[in-house]
Amino acid sequence: MQFLVTIHRPRGYDPALEDEAMGRAISALNRDMVAAGIRVFVGGLQSPKQAVSLRPQDDDSLLTREGPYHETPDYVGGLWVLDLDTLDEAIEWGRKAALACRSGVEVRPFH
């Protein structure tokens, strides 16, 4: 099974606050995922201010606007796609991600 592990950051989060210790912890986590053979994909995302949202309209046109699709107090700051056998394993890797990134994490299985 594959699982999506997303890192959630609060609106207004300043990446400049990430110190060397956090960078080392995230790098170690990525190395551990590769060594375990479970990491399919990893990526960090820029601020929601960089987003472009597309919304279909009733007249089959498309509304395009700058900014996030949803205005929320938190946003996805990065993600991993992991190939694991169980949800419990995914939750354990999610726990490691939350500690390394000092941030909330969501773990979701793919269909």
PDB file of N, CA and C in Angstrom:
ATOM      1  N   MET A   1       0.839  -1.185   0.000  1.00  0.00           N
ATOM      2  CA  MET A   1       0.000   0.000   0.000  1.00  0.00           C
ATOM      3  C   MET A   1       0.883   1.248   0.000  1.00  0.00           C
ATOM      4  N   GLN A   2       0.333   2.301  -0.563  1.00  0.00           N
ATOM      5  CA  GLN A   2       1.050   3.575  -0.506  1.00  0.00           C
ATOM      6  C   GLN A   2       0.286   4.538   0.393  1.00  0.00           C
ATOM      7  N   PHE A   3       1.056   5.362   1.087  1.00  0.00           N
ATOM      8  CA  PHE A   3       0.498   6.323   2.035  1.00  0.00           C
ATOM      9  C   PHE A   3       1.067   7.703   1.742  1.00  0.00           C
ATOM     10  N   LEU A   4       0.220   8.703   1.937  1.00  0.00           N
ATOM     11  CA  LEU A   4       0.632  10.099   1.833  1.00  0.00           C
ATOM     12  C   LEU A   4       0.861  10.617   3.243  1.00  0.00           C
ATOM     13  N   VAL A   5       2.032  11.147   3.488  1.00  0.00           N
ATOM     14  CA  VAL A   5       2.369  11.766   4.772  1.00  0.00           C
ATOM     15  C   VAL A   5       2.609  13.239   4.481  1.00  0.00           C
ATOM     16  N   THR A   6       1.736  14.092   5.003  1.00  0.00           N
ATOM     17  CA  THR A   6       1.858  15.525   4.729  1.00  0.00           C
ATOM     18  C   THR A   6       2.243  16.281   5.995  1.00  0.00           C
ATOM     19  N   ILE A   7       3.101  17.275   5.798  1.00  0.00           N
ATOM     20  CA  ILE A   7       3.526  18.178   6.862  1.00  0.00           C
ATOM     21  C   ILE A   7       2.636  19.412   6.790  1.00  0.00           C
ATOM     22  N   HIS A   8       2.080  19.817   7.904  1.00  0.00           N
ATOM     23  CA  HIS A   8       1.192  20.985   7.941  1.00  0.00           C
ATOM     24  C   HIS A   8       1.855  22.112   8.710  1.00  0.00           C
ATOM     25  N   ARG A   9       1.854  23.279   8.101  1.00  0.00           N
ATOM     26  CA  ARG A   9       2.446  24.470   8.696  1.00  0.00           C
ATOM     27  C   ARG A   9       1.349  25.510   8.947  1.00  0.00           C
ATOM     28  N   PRO A  10       1.503  26.327   9.982  1.00  0.00           N
ATOM     29  CA  PRO A  10       0.519  27.378  10.228  1.00  0.00           C
ATOM     30  C   PRO A  10       0.662  28.512   9.212  1.00  0.00           C
ATOM     31  N   ARG A  11      -0.442  29.153   8.880  1.00  0.00           N
ATOM     32  CA  ARG A  11      -0.387  30.309   7.989  1.00  0.00           C
ATOM     33  C   ARG A  11       0.606  31.317   8.563  1.00  0.00           C
ATOM     34  N   GLY A  12       1.419  31.878   7.706  1.00  0.00           N
ATOM     35  CA  GLY A  12       2.420  32.844   8.138  1.00  0.00           C
ATOM     36  C   GLY A  12       3.712  32.204   8.619  1.00  0.00           C
ATOM     37  N   TYR A  13       3.831  30.879   8.469  1.00  0.00           N
ATOM     38  CA  TYR A  13       5.042  30.184   8.899  1.00  0.00           C
ATOM     39  C   TYR A  13       6.257  30.758   8.170  1.00  0.00           C
ATOM     40  N   ASP A  14       7.316  30.986   8.911  1.00  0.00           N
ATOM     41  CA  ASP A  14       8.544  31.539   8.335  1.00  0.00           C
ATOM     42  C   ASP A  14       9.602  30.445   8.250  1.00  0.00           C
ATOM     43  N   PRO A  15       9.896  29.934   7.038  1.00  0.00           N
ATOM     44  CA  PRO A  15      10.904  28.880   6.901  1.00  0.00           C
ATOM     45  C   PRO A  15      12.284  29.293   7.407  1.00  0.00           C
ATOM     46  N   ALA A  16      12.525  30.585   7.529  1.00  0.00           N
ATOM     47  CA  ALA A  16      13.816  31.049   8.037  1.00  0.00           C
ATOM     48  C   ALA A  16      14.025  30.631   9.496  1.00  0.00           C
ATOM     49  N   LEU A  17      12.956  30.256  10.181  1.00  0.00           N
ATOM     50  CA  LEU A  17      13.063  29.822  11.575  1.00  0.00           C
ATOM     51  C   LEU A  17      13.586  28.389  11.695  1.00  0.00           C
ATOM     52  N   GLU A  18      13.670  27.673  10.580  1.00  0.00           N
ATOM     53  CA  GLU A  18      14.159  26.303  10.611  1.00  0.00           C
ATOM     54  C   GLU A  18      15.668  26.324  10.835  1.00  0.00           C
ATOM     55  N   ASP A  19      16.079  25.705  11.914  1.00  0.00           N
ATOM     56  CA  ASP A  19      17.502  25.734  12.257  1.00  0.00           C
ATOM     57  C   ASP A  19      18.237  24.516  11.695  1.00  0.00           C
ATOM     58  N   GLU A  20      19.550  24.498  11.896  1.00  0.00           N
ATOM     59  CA  GLU A  20      20.369  23.399  11.377  1.00  0.00           C
ATOM     60  C   GLU A  20      19.963  22.064  11.970  1.00  0.00           C
ATOM     61  N   ALA A  21      19.557  22.058  13.238  1.00  0.00           N
ATOM     62  CA  ALA A  21      19.152  20.804  13.884  1.00  0.00           C
ATOM     63  C   ALA A  21      17.927  20.216  13.181  1.00  0.00           C
ATOM     64  N   MET A  22      16.979  21.065  12.812  1.00  0.00           N
ATOM     65  CA  MET A  22      15.806  20.582  12.095  1.00  0.00           C
ATOM     66  C   MET A  22      16.207  20.046  10.726  1.00  0.00           C
ATOM     67  N   GLY A  23      17.065  20.747  10.040  1.00  0.00           N
ATOM     68  CA  GLY A  23      17.537  20.296   8.730  1.00  0.00           C
ATOM     69  C   GLY A  23      18.223  18.944   8.816  1.00  0.00           C
ATOM     70  N   ARG A  24      19.041  18.760   9.853  1.00  0.00           N
ATOM     71  CA  ARG A  24      19.719  17.468  10.036  1.00  0.00           C
ATOM     72  C   ARG A  24      18.710  16.369  10.343  1.00  0.00           C
ATOM     73  N   ALA A  25      17.709  16.674  11.153  1.00  0.00           N
ATOM     74  CA  ALA A  25      16.693  15.678  11.516  1.00  0.00           C
ATOM     75  C   ALA A  25      15.888  15.255  10.283  1.00  0.00           C
ATOM     76  N   ILE A  26      15.525  16.207   9.443  1.00  0.00           N
ATOM     77  CA  ILE A  26      14.765  15.888   8.227  1.00  0.00           C
ATOM     78  C   ILE A  26      15.636  15.097   7.253  1.00  0.00           C
ATOM     79  N   SER A  27      16.888  15.478   7.105  1.00  0.00           N
ATOM     80  CA  SER A  27      17.804  14.730   6.234  1.00  0.00           C
ATOM     81  C   SER A  27      17.983  13.303   6.731  1.00  0.00           C
ATOM     82  N   ALA A  28      18.124  13.127   8.038  1.00  0.00           N
ATOM     83  CA  ALA A  28      18.267  11.784   8.611  1.00  0.00           C
ATOM     84  C   ALA A  28      17.012  10.954   8.370  1.00  0.00           C
ATOM     85  N   LEU A  29      15.852  11.574   8.532  1.00  0.00           N
ATOM     86  CA  LEU A  29      14.593  10.877   8.275  1.00  0.00           C
ATOM     87  C   LEU A  29      14.525  10.416   6.821  1.00  0.00           C
ATOM     88  N   ASN A  30      14.899  11.294   5.896  1.00  0.00           N
ATOM     89  CA  ASN A  30      14.890  10.918   4.481  1.00  0.00           C
ATOM     90  C   ASN A  30      15.871   9.776   4.204  1.00  0.00           C
ATOM     91  N   ARG A  31      17.052   9.833   4.803  1.00  0.00           N
ATOM     92  CA  ARG A  31      18.020   8.736   4.626  1.00  0.00           C
ATOM     93  C   ARG A  31      17.458   7.422   5.166  1.00  0.00           C
ATOM     94  N   ASP A  32      16.790   7.491   6.328  1.00  0.00           N
ATOM     95  CA  ASP A  32      16.201   6.286   6.918  1.00  0.00           C
ATOM     96  C   ASP A  32      15.107   5.711   6.020  1.00  0.00           C
ATOM     97  N   MET A  33      14.301   6.579   5.430  1.00  0.00           N
ATOM     98  CA  MET A  33      13.236   6.120   4.534  1.00  0.00           C
ATOM     99  C   MET A  33      13.820   5.438   3.299  1.00  0.00           C
ATOM    100  N   VAL A  34      14.881   6.021   2.742  1.00  0.00           N
ATOM    101  CA  VAL A  34      15.536   5.429   1.571  1.00  0.00           C
ATOM    102  C   VAL A  34      16.161   4.089   1.959  1.00  0.00           C
ATOM    103  N   ALA A  35      16.850   4.046   3.100  1.00  0.00           N
ATOM    104  CA  ALA A  35      17.497   2.815   3.552  1.00  0.00           C
ATOM    105  C   ALA A  35      16.472   1.705   3.793  1.00  0.00           C
ATOM    106  N   ALA A  36      15.280   2.079   4.262  1.00  0.00           N
ATOM    107  CA  ALA A  36      14.224   1.097   4.509  1.00  0.00           C
ATOM    108  C   ALA A  36      13.523   0.674   3.214  1.00  0.00           C
ATOM    109  N   GLY A  37      13.810   1.390   2.118  1.00  0.00           N
ATOM    110  CA  GLY A  37      13.208   1.055   0.832  1.00  0.00           C
ATOM    111  C   GLY A  37      11.739   1.408   0.726  1.00  0.00           C
ATOM    112  N   ILE A  38      11.300   2.404   1.484  1.00  0.00           N
ATOM    113  CA  ILE A  38       9.866   2.735   1.515  1.00  0.00           C
ATOM    114  C   ILE A  38       9.530   4.057   0.841  1.00  0.00           C
ATOM    115  N   ARG A  39      10.520   4.904   0.595  1.00  0.00           N
ATOM    116  CA  ARG A  39      10.245   6.243   0.066  1.00  0.00           C
ATOM    117  C   ARG A  39      10.053   6.174  -1.446  1.00  0.00           C
ATOM    118  N   VAL A  40       8.855   6.579  -1.881  1.00  0.00           N
ATOM    119  CA  VAL A  40       8.523   6.636  -3.305  1.00  0.00           C
ATOM    120  C   VAL A  40       8.787   8.037  -3.839  1.00  0.00           C
ATOM    121  N   PHE A  41       8.404   9.050  -3.061  1.00  0.00           N
ATOM    122  CA  PHE A  41       8.530  10.446  -3.488  1.00  0.00           C
ATOM    123  C   PHE A  41       8.564  11.324  -2.258  1.00  0.00           C
ATOM    124  N   VAL A  42       9.301  12.427  -2.358  1.00  0.00           N
ATOM    125  CA  VAL A  42       9.321  13.437  -1.306  1.00  0.00           C
ATOM    126  C   VAL A  42       9.366  14.803  -1.980  1.00  0.00           C
ATOM    127  N   GLY A  43       8.717  15.781  -1.383  1.00  0.00           N
ATOM    128  CA  GLY A  43       8.771  17.129  -1.935  1.00  0.00           C
ATOM    129  C   GLY A  43       8.325  18.164  -0.929  1.00  0.00           C
ATOM    130  N   GLY A  44       9.003  19.290  -0.956  1.00  0.00           N
ATOM    131  CA  GLY A  44       8.596  20.438  -0.155  1.00  0.00           C
ATOM    132  C   GLY A  44       7.838  21.409  -1.051  1.00  0.00           C
ATOM    133  N   LEU A  45       6.907  22.128  -0.477  1.00  0.00           N
ATOM    134  CA  LEU A  45       6.089  23.064  -1.243  1.00  0.00           C
ATOM    135  C   LEU A  45       6.370  24.497  -0.822  1.00  0.00           C
ATOM    136  N   GLN A  46       6.301  25.394  -1.776  1.00  0.00           N
ATOM    137  CA  GLN A  46       6.446  26.813  -1.470  1.00  0.00           C
ATOM    138  C   GLN A  46       5.187  27.311  -0.768  1.00  0.00           C
ATOM    139  N   SER A  47       5.240  28.529  -0.318  1.00  0.00           N
ATOM    140  CA  SER A  47       4.137  29.158   0.396  1.00  0.00           C
ATOM    141  C   SER A  47       2.844  29.123  -0.424  1.00  0.00           C
ATOM    142  N   PRO A  48       1.686  29.063   0.240  1.00  0.00           N
ATOM    143  CA  PRO A  48       0.415  29.128  -0.476  1.00  0.00           C
ATOM    144  C   PRO A  48       0.261  30.413  -1.295  1.00  0.00           C
ATOM    145  N   LYS A  49       1.023  31.438  -0.962  1.00  0.00           N
ATOM    146  CA  LYS A  49       0.984  32.669  -1.757  1.00  0.00           C
ATOM    147  C   LYS A  49       1.425  32.414  -3.192  1.00  0.00           C
ATOM    148  N   GLN A  50       2.191  31.345  -3.408  1.00  0.00           N
ATOM    149  CA  GLN A  50       2.681  30.994  -4.746  1.00  0.00           C
ATOM    150  C   GLN A  50       1.671  30.154  -5.535  1.00  0.00           C
ATOM    151  N   ALA A  51       0.585  29.762  -4.897  1.00  0.00           N
ATOM    152  CA  ALA A  51      -0.396  28.869  -5.531  1.00  0.00           C
ATOM    153  C   ALA A  51      -1.260  29.600  -6.556  1.00  0.00           C
ATOM    154  N   VAL A  52      -1.778  28.849  -7.495  1.00  0.00           N
ATOM    155  CA  VAL A  52      -2.791  29.308  -8.443  1.00  0.00           C
ATOM    156  C   VAL A  52      -3.951  28.315  -8.340  1.00  0.00           C
ATOM    157  N   SER A  53      -5.155  28.814  -8.106  1.00  0.00           N
ATOM    158  CA  SER A  53      -6.333  27.969  -7.938  1.00  0.00           C
ATOM    159  C   SER A  53      -7.197  28.008  -9.186  1.00  0.00           C
ATOM    160  N   LEU A  54      -7.706  26.848  -9.563  1.00  0.00           N
ATOM    161  CA  LEU A  54      -8.573  26.709 -10.733  1.00  0.00           C
ATOM    162  C   LEU A  54      -9.904  26.124 -10.279  1.00  0.00           C
ATOM    163  N   ARG A  55     -11.012  26.782 -10.653  1.00  0.00           N
ATOM    164  CA  ARG A  55     -12.339  26.319 -10.243  1.00  0.00           C
ATOM    165  C   ARG A  55     -13.283  26.278 -11.446  1.00  0.00           C
ATOM    166  N   PRO A  56     -13.831  25.088 -11.740  1.00  0.00           N
ATOM    167  CA  PRO A  56     -14.810  25.000 -12.822  1.00  0.00           C
ATOM    168  C   PRO A  56     -16.070  25.798 -12.457  1.00  0.00           C
ATOM    169  N   GLN A  57     -16.660  26.455 -13.437  1.00  0.00           N
ATOM    170  CA  GLN A  57     -17.875  27.238 -13.249  1.00  0.00           C
ATOM    171  C   GLN A  57     -19.049  26.522 -13.917  1.00  0.00           C
ATOM    172  N   ASP A  58     -20.264  26.920 -13.563  1.00  0.00           N
ATOM    173  CA  ASP A  58     -21.465  26.292 -14.114  1.00  0.00           C
ATOM    174  C   ASP A  58     -21.547  26.405 -15.630  1.00  0.00           C
ATOM    175  N   ASP A  59     -20.968  27.453 -16.200  1.00  0.00           N
ATOM    176  CA  ASP A  59     -21.033  27.652 -17.655  1.00  0.00           C
ATOM    177  C   ASP A  59     -19.868  26.981 -18.383  1.00  0.00           C
ATOM    178  N   ASP A  60     -19.203  26.034 -17.732  1.00  0.00           N
ATOM    179  CA  ASP A  60     -18.069  25.287 -18.279  1.00  0.00           C
ATOM    180  C   ASP A  60     -16.814  26.141 -18.456  1.00  0.00           C
ATOM    181  N   SER A  61     -16.819  27.361 -17.944  1.00  0.00           N
ATOM    182  CA  SER A  61     -15.597  28.158 -17.955  1.00  0.00           C
ATOM    183  C   SER A  61     -14.773  27.784 -16.722  1.00  0.00           C
ATOM    184  N   LEU A  62     -13.610  28.368 -16.640  1.00  0.00           N
ATOM    185  CA  LEU A  62     -12.718  28.076 -15.535  1.00  0.00           C
ATOM    186  C   LEU A  62     -12.290  29.382 -14.878  1.00  0.00           C
ATOM    187  N   LEU A  63     -12.528  29.491 -13.594  1.00  0.00           N
ATOM    188  CA  LEU A  63     -12.094  30.651 -12.822  1.00  0.00           C
ATOM    189  C   LEU A  63     -10.681  30.378 -12.316  1.00  0.00           C
ATOM    190  N   THR A  64      -9.760  31.254 -12.651  1.00  0.00           N
ATOM    191  CA  THR A  64      -8.370  31.131 -12.221  1.00  0.00           C
ATOM    192  C   THR A  64      -8.055  32.312 -11.323  1.00  0.00           C
ATOM    193  N   ARG A  65      -7.467  32.013 -10.168  1.00  0.00           N
ATOM    194  CA  ARG A  65      -7.087  33.100  -9.268  1.00  0.00           C
ATOM    195  C   ARG A  65      -5.789  32.758  -8.569  1.00  0.00           C
ATOM    196  N   GLU A  66      -5.066  33.779  -8.194  1.00  0.00           N
ATOM    197  CA  GLU A  66      -3.834  33.588  -7.437  1.00  0.00           C
ATOM    198  C   GLU A  66      -4.181  33.273  -5.991  1.00  0.00           C
ATOM    199  N   GLY A  67      -3.420  32.367  -5.411  1.00  0.00           N
ATOM    200  CA  GLY A  67      -3.621  32.020  -4.011  1.00  0.00           C
ATOM    201  C   GLY A  67      -4.148  30.612  -3.844  1.00  0.00           C
ATOM    202  N   PRO A  68      -4.243  30.175  -2.591  1.00  0.00           N
ATOM    203  CA  PRO A  68      -4.648  28.801  -2.306  1.00  0.00           C
ATOM    204  C   PRO A  68      -6.119  28.553  -2.637  1.00  0.00           C
ATOM    205  N   TYR A  69      -6.433  27.290  -2.870  1.00  0.00           N
ATOM    206  CA  TYR A  69      -7.813  26.899  -3.173  1.00  0.00           C
ATOM    207  C   TYR A  69      -8.708  27.138  -1.960  1.00  0.00           C
ATOM    208  N   HIS A  70      -8.215  26.779  -0.790  1.00  0.00           N
ATOM    209  CA  HIS A  70      -8.949  26.988   0.465  1.00  0.00           C
ATOM    210  C   HIS A  70      -8.158  27.933   1.358  1.00  0.00           C
ATOM    211  N   GLU A  71      -8.837  28.841   1.979  1.00  0.00           N
ATOM    212  CA  GLU A  71      -8.222  29.697   2.996  1.00  0.00           C
ATOM    213  C   GLU A  71      -8.349  28.965   4.323  1.00  0.00           C
ATOM    214  N   THR A  72      -7.245  28.481   4.855  1.00  0.00           N
ATOM    215  CA  THR A  72      -7.248  27.720   6.094  1.00  0.00           C
ATOM    216  C   THR A  72      -6.155  28.226   7.020  1.00  0.00           C
ATOM    217  N   PRO A  73      -6.251  27.897   8.309  1.00  0.00           N
ATOM    218  CA  PRO A  73      -5.206  28.342   9.227  1.00  0.00           C
ATOM    219  C   PRO A  73      -3.889  27.595   9.030  1.00  0.00           C
ATOM    220  N   ASP A  74      -3.935  26.424   8.406  1.00  0.00           N
ATOM    221  CA  ASP A  74      -2.738  25.629   8.142  1.00  0.00           C
ATOM    222  C   ASP A  74      -2.666  25.297   6.660  1.00  0.00           C
ATOM    223  N   TYR A  75      -1.481  24.953   6.201  1.00  0.00           N
ATOM    224  CA  TYR A  75      -1.310  24.547   4.808  1.00  0.00           C
ATOM    225  C   TYR A  75      -0.298  23.418   4.727  1.00  0.00           C
ATOM    226  N   VAL A  76      -0.328  22.686   3.614  1.00  0.00           N
ATOM    227  CA  VAL A  76       0.620  21.601   3.399  1.00  0.00           C
ATOM    228  C   VAL A  76       1.958  22.215   2.991  1.00  0.00           C
ATOM    229  N   GLY A  77       2.982  21.913   3.756  1.00  0.00           N
ATOM    230  CA  GLY A  77       4.300  22.458   3.487  1.00  0.00           C
ATOM    231  C   GLY A  77       5.231  21.467   2.808  1.00  0.00           C
ATOM    232  N   GLY A  78       4.864  20.206   2.841  1.00  0.00           N
ATOM    233  CA  GLY A  78       5.684  19.182   2.216  1.00  0.00           C
ATOM    234  C   GLY A  78       5.009  17.833   2.338  1.00  0.00           C
ATOM    235  N   LEU A  79       5.553  16.857   1.634  1.00  0.00           N
ATOM    236  CA  LEU A  79       4.909  15.548   1.629  1.00  0.00           C
ATOM    237  C   LEU A  79       5.884  14.440   1.299  1.00  0.00           C
ATOM    238  N   TRP A  80       5.499  13.254   1.705  1.00  0.00           N
ATOM    239  CA  TRP A  80       6.166  12.015   1.321  1.00  0.00           C
ATOM    240  C   TRP A  80       5.100  11.068   0.805  1.00  0.00           C
ATOM    241  N   VAL A  81       5.457  10.256  -0.163  1.00  0.00           N
ATOM    242  CA  VAL A  81       4.662   9.095  -0.545  1.00  0.00           C
ATOM    243  C   VAL A  81       5.502   7.895  -0.140  1.00  0.00           C
ATOM    244  N   LEU A  82       4.921   7.052   0.716  1.00  0.00           N
ATOM    245  CA  LEU A  82       5.644   5.908   1.258  1.00  0.00           C
ATOM    246  C   LEU A  82       4.952   4.607   0.869  1.00  0.00           C
ATOM    247  N   ASP A  83       5.739   3.585   0.601  1.00  0.00           N
ATOM    248  CA  ASP A  83       5.236   2.269   0.245  1.00  0.00           C
ATOM    249  C   ASP A  83       5.428   1.360   1.462  1.00  0.00           C
ATOM    250  N   LEU A  84       4.313   1.041   2.137  1.00  0.00           N
ATOM    251  CA  LEU A  84       4.358   0.285   3.386  1.00  0.00           C
ATOM    252  C   LEU A  84       3.278  -0.789   3.391  1.00  0.00           C
ATOM    253  N   ASP A  85       3.379  -1.710   4.334  1.00  0.00           N
ATOM    254  CA  ASP A  85       2.408  -2.799   4.414  1.00  0.00           C
ATOM    255  C   ASP A  85       1.161  -2.440   5.216  1.00  0.00           C
ATOM    256  N   THR A  86       1.300  -1.584   6.236  1.00  0.00           N
ATOM    257  CA  THR A  86       0.170  -1.334   7.129  1.00  0.00           C
ATOM    258  C   THR A  86       0.049   0.146   7.495  1.00  0.00           C
ATOM    259  N   LEU A  87      -1.141   0.510   7.933  1.00  0.00           N
ATOM    260  CA  LEU A  87      -1.379   1.861   8.437  1.00  0.00           C
ATOM    261  C   LEU A  87      -0.540   2.120   9.684  1.00  0.00           C
ATOM    262  N   ASP A  88      -0.383   1.119  10.521  1.00  0.00           N
ATOM    263  CA  ASP A  88       0.436   1.298  11.729  1.00  0.00           C
ATOM    264  C   ASP A  88       1.870   1.693  11.380  1.00  0.00           C
ATOM    265  N   GLU A  89       2.431   1.063  10.340  1.00  0.00           N
ATOM    266  CA  GLU A  89       3.781   1.443   9.906  1.00  0.00           C
ATOM    267  C   GLU A  89       3.794   2.886   9.412  1.00  0.00           C
ATOM    268  N   ALA A  90       2.764   3.260   8.654  1.00  0.00           N
ATOM    269  CA  ALA A  90       2.682   4.632   8.138  1.00  0.00           C
ATOM    270  C   ALA A  90       2.582   5.635   9.283  1.00  0.00           C
ATOM    271  N   ILE A  91       1.810   5.306  10.292  1.00  0.00           N
ATOM    272  CA  ILE A  91       1.668   6.196  11.453  1.00  0.00           C
ATOM    273  C   ILE A  91       3.008   6.342  12.174  1.00  0.00           C
ATOM    274  N   GLU A  92       3.762   5.263  12.274  1.00  0.00           N
ATOM    275  CA  GLU A  92       5.075   5.341  12.924  1.00  0.00           C
ATOM    276  C   GLU A  92       6.017   6.260  12.138  1.00  0.00           C
ATOM    277  N   TRP A  93       6.024   6.152  10.806  1.00  0.00           N
ATOM    278  CA  TRP A  93       6.846   7.071   9.998  1.00  0.00           C
ATOM    279  C   TRP A  93       6.299   8.490  10.090  1.00  0.00           C
ATOM    280  N   GLY A  94       4.991   8.646  10.166  1.00  0.00           N
ATOM    281  CA  GLY A  94       4.399   9.969  10.357  1.00  0.00           C
ATOM    282  C   GLY A  94       4.823  10.589  11.682  1.00  0.00           C
ATOM    283  N   ARG A  95       4.904   9.764  12.717  1.00  0.00           N
ATOM    284  CA  ARG A  95       5.364  10.246  14.027  1.00  0.00           C
ATOM    285  C   ARG A  95       6.797  10.761  13.908  1.00  0.00           C
ATOM    286  N   LYS A  96       7.639  10.012  13.212  1.00  0.00           N
ATOM    287  CA  LYS A  96       9.025  10.447  13.013  1.00  0.00           C
ATOM    288  C   LYS A  96       9.084  11.756  12.221  1.00  0.00           C
ATOM    289  N   ALA A  97       8.206  11.882  11.225  1.00  0.00           N
ATOM    290  CA  ALA A  97       8.165  13.110  10.423  1.00  0.00           C
ATOM    291  C   ALA A  97       7.731  14.301  11.275  1.00  0.00           C
ATOM    292  N   ALA A  98       6.724  14.101  12.116  1.00  0.00           N
ATOM    293  CA  ALA A  98       6.246  15.190  12.981  1.00  0.00           C
ATOM    294  C   ALA A  98       7.353  15.671  13.912  1.00  0.00           C
ATOM    295  N   LEU A  99       8.111  14.727  14.460  1.00  0.00           N
ATOM    296  CA  LEU A  99       9.202  15.105  15.360  1.00  0.00           C
ATOM    297  C   LEU A  99      10.331  15.805  14.608  1.00  0.00           C
ATOM    298  N   ALA A 100      10.703  15.282  13.443  1.00  0.00           N
ATOM    299  CA  ALA A 100      11.794  15.884  12.675  1.00  0.00           C
ATOM    300  C   ALA A 100      11.427  17.278  12.187  1.00  0.00           C
ATOM    301  N   CYS A 101      10.183  17.447  11.732  1.00  0.00           N
ATOM    302  CA  CYS A 101       9.751  18.729  11.154  1.00  0.00           C
ATOM    303  C   CYS A 101       9.166  19.676  12.190  1.00  0.00           C
ATOM    304  N   ARG A 102       8.994  19.180  13.415  1.00  0.00           N
ATOM    305  CA  ARG A 102       8.391  20.001  14.484  1.00  0.00           C
ATOM    306  C   ARG A 102       7.064  20.584  14.023  1.00  0.00           C
ATOM    307  N   SER A 103       6.240  19.712  13.482  1.00  0.00           N
ATOM    308  CA  SER A 103       5.006  20.186  12.870  1.00  0.00           C
ATOM    309  C   SER A 103       3.960  19.084  12.873  1.00  0.00           C
ATOM    310  N   GLY A 104       2.707  19.500  12.689  1.00  0.00           N
ATOM    311  CA  GLY A 104       1.631  18.530  12.551  1.00  0.00           C
ATOM    312  C   GLY A 104       1.780  17.732  11.264  1.00  0.00           C
ATOM    313  N   VAL A 105       1.319  16.490  11.316  1.00  0.00           N
ATOM    314  CA  VAL A 105       1.430  15.574  10.182  1.00  0.00           C
ATOM    315  C   VAL A 105       0.093  14.876   9.992  1.00  0.00           C
ATOM    316  N   GLU A 106      -0.252  14.621   8.739  1.00  0.00           N
ATOM    317  CA  GLU A 106      -1.423  13.808   8.415  1.00  0.00           C
ATOM    318  C   GLU A 106      -0.943  12.597   7.615  1.00  0.00           C
ATOM    319  N   VAL A 107      -1.461  11.425   7.950  1.00  0.00           N
ATOM    320  CA  VAL A 107      -1.145  10.174   7.258  1.00  0.00           C
ATOM    321  C   VAL A 107      -2.431   9.670   6.611  1.00  0.00           C
ATOM    322  N   ARG A 108      -2.386   9.436   5.289  1.00  0.00           N
ATOM    323  CA  ARG A 108      -3.586   8.948   4.582  1.00  0.00           C
ATOM    324  C   ARG A 108      -3.192   7.875   3.577  1.00  0.00           C
ATOM    325  N   PRO A 109      -3.958   6.789   3.545  1.00  0.00           N
ATOM    326  CA  PRO A 109      -3.699   5.771   2.525  1.00  0.00           C
ATOM    327  C   PRO A 109      -4.267   6.198   1.168  1.00  0.00           C
ATOM    328  N   PHE A 110      -3.598   5.748   0.101  1.00  0.00           N
ATOM    329  CA  PHE A 110      -4.138   5.915  -1.237  1.00  0.00           C
ATOM    330  C   PHE A 110      -5.151   4.814  -1.491  1.00  0.00           C
ATOM    331  N   HIS A 111      -6.064   5.035  -2.423  1.00  0.00           N
ATOM    332  CA  HIS A 111      -7.004   3.980  -2.834  1.00  0.00           C
ATOM    333  C   HIS A 111      -6.258   2.885  -3.514  1.00  0.00           C
TER     334      HIS A 111
END
